[in-house]
């Protein structure tokens, strides 16, 4: 029975070493791919040409927009009118 116990202990040691190696390899790959990248942002910004902005003023020639009239004065709220509910978070 003691021989079986020693085999289990040695097998567990090997599995612990394999697990540690897998964790180290994973940590190395994550570090290399995410934290060790060359930054080429400056080159991309310099190489891109500026875009030309074009405004379509033809939208303002729509007949519906020409029928609109400006408001001279915004009507104020009357003193006796109650707006909203006293507790807006209560259900209806």
N, C-alpha and C. Protein backbone atom coordinates (compact mmCIF):
# COMPACT_ATOMS: atom_id res chain seq x y z
N UNK A 1 0.81 -1.18 0.00
CA UNK A 1 0.00 0.00 0.00
C UNK A 1 0.86 1.26 0.00
N UNK A 2 2.02 1.21 0.61
CA UNK A 2 2.91 2.36 0.66
C UNK A 2 3.46 2.67 -0.72
N UNK A 3 3.63 1.66 -1.56
CA UNK A 3 4.15 1.87 -2.91
C UNK A 3 3.13 2.67 -3.73
N UNK A 4 1.87 2.37 -3.62
CA UNK A 4 0.84 3.09 -4.34
C UNK A 4 0.78 4.56 -3.91
N UNK A 5 0.95 4.77 -2.62
CA UNK A 5 0.92 6.13 -2.10
C UNK A 5 2.08 6.96 -2.67
N UNK A 6 3.27 6.34 -2.77
CA UNK A 6 4.42 7.05 -3.32
C UNK A 6 4.23 7.33 -4.80
N UNK A 7 3.58 6.43 -5.53
CA UNK A 7 3.33 6.67 -6.95
C UNK A 7 2.36 7.83 -7.14
N UNK A 8 1.35 7.91 -6.27
CA UNK A 8 0.40 9.01 -6.37
C UNK A 8 1.06 10.35 -6.09
N UNK A 9 1.97 10.38 -5.10
CA UNK A 9 2.67 11.61 -4.76
C UNK A 9 3.57 12.05 -5.91
N UNK A 10 4.29 11.10 -6.51
CA UNK A 10 5.18 11.46 -7.62
C UNK A 10 4.37 11.92 -8.83
N UNK A 11 3.22 11.28 -9.08
CA UNK A 11 2.36 11.68 -10.18
C UNK A 11 1.81 13.09 -9.95
N UNK A 12 1.44 13.40 -8.72
CA UNK A 12 0.93 14.73 -8.41
C UNK A 12 2.03 15.77 -8.57
N UNK A 13 3.25 15.45 -8.23
CA UNK A 13 4.36 16.39 -8.42
C UNK A 13 4.54 16.71 -9.90
N UNK A 14 4.51 15.67 -10.74
CA UNK A 14 4.64 15.91 -12.18
C UNK A 14 3.50 16.78 -12.69
N UNK A 15 2.30 16.50 -12.23
CA UNK A 15 1.17 17.31 -12.68
C UNK A 15 1.28 18.77 -12.21
N UNK A 16 1.81 18.98 -11.02
CA UNK A 16 2.01 20.35 -10.52
C UNK A 16 3.04 21.07 -11.39
N UNK A 17 4.14 20.38 -11.74
CA UNK A 17 5.15 21.01 -12.59
C UNK A 17 4.59 21.32 -13.98
N UNK A 18 3.82 20.41 -14.54
CA UNK A 18 3.21 20.66 -15.85
C UNK A 18 2.24 21.83 -15.77
N UNK A 19 1.47 21.90 -14.71
CA UNK A 19 0.52 23.01 -14.53
C UNK A 19 1.25 24.34 -14.41
N UNK A 20 2.35 24.38 -13.67
CA UNK A 20 3.13 25.62 -13.53
C UNK A 20 3.73 26.03 -14.87
N UNK A 21 4.22 25.06 -15.64
CA UNK A 21 4.79 25.37 -16.95
C UNK A 21 3.73 25.93 -17.88
N UNK A 22 2.54 25.35 -17.87
CA UNK A 22 1.45 25.85 -18.71
C UNK A 22 1.07 27.28 -18.31
N UNK A 23 1.02 27.56 -17.02
CA UNK A 23 0.70 28.91 -16.56
C UNK A 23 1.78 29.90 -16.99
N UNK A 24 3.04 29.51 -16.89
CA UNK A 24 4.13 30.40 -17.30
C UNK A 24 4.11 30.67 -18.80
N UNK A 25 3.84 29.65 -19.59
CA UNK A 25 3.76 29.84 -21.04
C UNK A 25 2.59 30.75 -21.39
N UNK A 26 1.46 30.54 -20.76
CA UNK A 26 0.30 31.40 -21.01
C UNK A 26 0.58 32.84 -20.61
N UNK A 27 1.19 33.06 -19.47
CA UNK A 27 1.52 34.42 -19.02
C UNK A 27 2.50 35.08 -19.98
N UNK A 28 3.49 34.31 -20.48
CA UNK A 28 4.45 34.86 -21.43
C UNK A 28 3.77 35.26 -22.73
N UNK A 29 2.88 34.42 -23.24
CA UNK A 29 2.19 34.75 -24.49
C UNK A 29 1.29 35.96 -24.34
N UNK A 30 0.60 36.07 -23.23
CA UNK A 30 -0.25 37.23 -22.99
C UNK A 30 0.60 38.49 -22.89
N UNK A 31 1.72 38.41 -22.16
CA UNK A 31 2.59 39.57 -22.03
C UNK A 31 3.15 40.00 -23.38
N UNK A 32 3.56 39.04 -24.17
CA UNK A 32 4.18 39.36 -25.45
C UNK A 32 3.17 39.94 -26.44
N UNK A 33 1.95 39.41 -26.46
CA UNK A 33 0.97 39.87 -27.44
C UNK A 33 0.29 41.17 -27.05
N UNK A 34 0.10 41.43 -25.78
CA UNK A 34 -0.66 42.61 -25.38
C UNK A 34 0.20 43.76 -24.87
N UNK A 35 1.30 43.48 -24.24
CA UNK A 35 2.08 44.53 -23.63
C UNK A 35 3.37 44.84 -24.38
N UNK A 36 3.74 44.05 -25.34
CA UNK A 36 5.00 44.24 -26.03
C UNK A 36 4.75 44.46 -27.52
N UNK A 37 3.87 45.36 -27.85
CA UNK A 37 3.58 45.67 -29.25
C UNK A 37 4.23 46.99 -29.61
N UNK A 38 4.72 47.07 -30.83
CA UNK A 38 5.30 48.31 -31.29
C UNK A 38 4.19 49.30 -31.62
N UNK A 39 4.40 50.53 -31.27
CA UNK A 39 3.39 51.56 -31.50
C UNK A 39 3.72 52.26 -32.82
N UNK A 40 2.77 52.21 -33.76
CA UNK A 40 2.95 52.84 -35.06
C UNK A 40 1.84 53.86 -35.32
N UNK A 41 1.35 54.46 -34.29
CA UNK A 41 0.23 55.40 -34.41
C UNK A 41 0.67 56.66 -35.14
N UNK A 42 1.86 57.15 -34.85
CA UNK A 42 2.34 58.38 -35.45
C UNK A 42 2.45 58.26 -36.97
N UNK A 43 2.93 57.13 -37.47
CA UNK A 43 3.07 56.93 -38.90
C UNK A 43 1.71 56.91 -39.58
N UNK A 44 0.72 56.28 -38.98
CA UNK A 44 -0.61 56.21 -39.58
C UNK A 44 -1.25 57.58 -39.65
N UNK A 45 -1.05 58.39 -38.64
CA UNK A 45 -1.64 59.73 -38.63
C UNK A 45 -1.01 60.60 -39.70
N UNK A 46 0.27 60.49 -39.88
CA UNK A 46 0.96 61.32 -40.86
C UNK A 46 0.61 60.89 -42.28
N UNK A 47 0.46 59.62 -42.53
CA UNK A 47 0.24 59.13 -43.88
C UNK A 47 -1.18 59.31 -44.39
N UNK A 48 -2.16 59.49 -43.51
CA UNK A 48 -3.54 59.63 -43.95
C UNK A 48 -3.80 61.05 -44.45
N UNK A 49 -4.37 61.19 -45.64
CA UNK A 49 -4.70 62.54 -46.12
C UNK A 49 -5.95 63.07 -45.43
N UNK A 50 -6.05 64.39 -45.36
CA UNK A 50 -7.21 65.01 -44.73
C UNK A 50 -8.42 64.86 -45.64
N UNK A 51 -9.58 64.60 -45.04
CA UNK A 51 -10.80 64.44 -45.82
C UNK A 51 -11.43 65.81 -46.06
N UNK A 52 -12.05 65.96 -47.22
CA UNK A 52 -12.70 67.22 -47.57
C UNK A 52 -14.15 67.14 -47.10
N UNK A 53 -14.59 68.17 -46.41
CA UNK A 53 -15.96 68.23 -45.90
C UNK A 53 -16.83 68.94 -46.91
N UNK A 54 -17.91 68.29 -47.29
CA UNK A 54 -18.85 68.88 -48.23
C UNK A 54 -20.22 69.02 -47.56
N UNK A 55 -20.81 70.21 -47.64
CA UNK A 55 -22.12 70.47 -47.04
C UNK A 55 -23.14 70.54 -48.16
N UNK A 56 -24.22 69.79 -48.01
CA UNK A 56 -25.28 69.77 -49.00
C UNK A 56 -26.33 70.81 -48.62
N UNK A 57 -26.27 71.97 -49.28
CA UNK A 57 -27.22 73.04 -49.02
C UNK A 57 -28.53 72.83 -49.77
N UNK A 58 -28.62 71.83 -50.61
CA UNK A 58 -29.84 71.53 -51.35
C UNK A 58 -30.97 71.08 -50.43
N UNK A 59 -30.64 70.61 -49.26
CA UNK A 59 -31.66 70.19 -48.30
C UNK A 59 -32.48 71.40 -47.84
N UNK A 60 -31.86 72.56 -47.78
CA UNK A 60 -32.57 73.77 -47.33
C UNK A 60 -33.57 74.29 -48.36
N UNK A 61 -33.52 73.79 -49.59
CA UNK A 61 -34.46 74.22 -50.63
C UNK A 61 -35.76 73.42 -50.59
N UNK A 62 -35.94 72.56 -49.63
CA UNK A 62 -37.15 71.77 -49.49
C UNK A 62 -38.34 72.69 -49.23
N UNK A 63 -39.48 72.51 -49.95
CA UNK A 63 -40.64 73.40 -49.76
C UNK A 63 -41.25 73.29 -48.37
N UNK A 64 -41.12 72.14 -47.70
CA UNK A 64 -41.65 72.03 -46.35
C UNK A 64 -40.89 72.93 -45.38
N UNK A 65 -39.60 73.07 -45.59
CA UNK A 65 -38.82 73.94 -44.72
C UNK A 65 -39.13 75.42 -44.97
N UNK A 66 -39.51 75.77 -46.19
CA UNK A 66 -39.84 77.16 -46.49
C UNK A 66 -41.17 77.57 -45.88
N UNK A 67 -42.05 76.63 -45.60
CA UNK A 67 -43.35 76.94 -44.99
C UNK A 67 -43.24 77.20 -43.49
N UNK A 68 -42.13 76.83 -42.87
CA UNK A 68 -41.97 77.05 -41.44
C UNK A 68 -41.86 78.54 -41.13
N UNK A 69 -42.44 78.94 -40.00
CA UNK A 69 -42.38 80.34 -39.58
C UNK A 69 -41.68 80.41 -38.23
N UNK A 70 -40.88 81.45 -38.01
CA UNK A 70 -40.18 81.56 -36.73
C UNK A 70 -41.13 81.96 -35.61
N UNK A 71 -40.82 81.55 -34.41
CA UNK A 71 -41.61 81.90 -33.23
C UNK A 71 -41.02 83.18 -32.65
N UNK A 72 -41.84 84.19 -32.48
CA UNK A 72 -41.36 85.46 -31.95
C UNK A 72 -41.09 85.37 -30.46
N UNK A 73 -42.01 84.79 -29.72
CA UNK A 73 -41.86 84.73 -28.28
C UNK A 73 -42.30 83.34 -27.81
N UNK A 74 -41.55 82.77 -26.92
CA UNK A 74 -41.91 81.48 -26.35
C UNK A 74 -42.91 81.71 -25.24
N UNK A 75 -44.08 81.05 -25.31
CA UNK A 75 -45.09 81.27 -24.27
C UNK A 75 -44.61 80.75 -22.92
N UNK A 76 -44.82 81.55 -21.87
CA UNK A 76 -44.40 81.14 -20.54
C UNK A 76 -45.44 80.22 -19.92
N UNK A 77 -45.04 79.49 -18.92
CA UNK A 77 -45.94 78.57 -18.23
C UNK A 77 -46.85 79.36 -17.31
N UNK A 78 -48.10 79.01 -17.31
CA UNK A 78 -49.04 79.69 -16.44
C UNK A 78 -48.84 79.21 -15.00
N UNK A 79 -49.15 80.07 -14.04
CA UNK A 79 -48.90 79.76 -12.63
C UNK A 79 -49.81 78.65 -12.11
N UNK A 80 -51.02 78.51 -12.63
CA UNK A 80 -51.96 77.53 -12.10
C UNK A 80 -51.81 76.14 -12.71
N UNK A 81 -50.99 75.99 -13.72
CA UNK A 81 -50.85 74.70 -14.39
C UNK A 81 -49.85 73.83 -13.63
N UNK A 82 -50.26 72.59 -13.32
CA UNK A 82 -49.40 71.67 -12.61
C UNK A 82 -48.74 70.74 -13.63
N UNK A 83 -47.44 70.70 -13.61
CA UNK A 83 -46.69 69.88 -14.57
C UNK A 83 -46.24 68.58 -13.90
N UNK A 84 -46.34 67.50 -14.61
CA UNK A 84 -45.83 66.22 -14.13
C UNK A 84 -46.55 65.70 -12.90
N UNK A 85 -45.93 64.71 -12.26
CA UNK A 85 -46.49 64.13 -11.05
C UNK A 85 -45.62 64.50 -9.86
N UNK A 86 -46.20 64.41 -8.67
CA UNK A 86 -45.42 64.74 -7.48
C UNK A 86 -44.34 63.72 -7.23
N UNK A 87 -44.64 62.45 -7.44
CA UNK A 87 -43.65 61.37 -7.31
C UNK A 87 -43.55 60.65 -8.65
N UNK A 88 -42.59 61.00 -9.47
CA UNK A 88 -42.54 60.44 -10.81
C UNK A 88 -42.11 58.97 -10.85
N UNK A 89 -41.60 58.43 -9.75
CA UNK A 89 -41.11 57.06 -9.76
C UNK A 89 -42.16 56.04 -9.35
N UNK A 90 -43.34 56.48 -8.93
CA UNK A 90 -44.39 55.54 -8.57
C UNK A 90 -45.08 55.07 -9.84
N UNK A 91 -45.47 53.79 -9.89
CA UNK A 91 -46.14 53.30 -11.10
C UNK A 91 -47.55 53.87 -11.23
N UNK A 92 -48.09 53.83 -12.43
CA UNK A 92 -49.43 54.35 -12.69
C UNK A 92 -50.49 53.48 -12.07
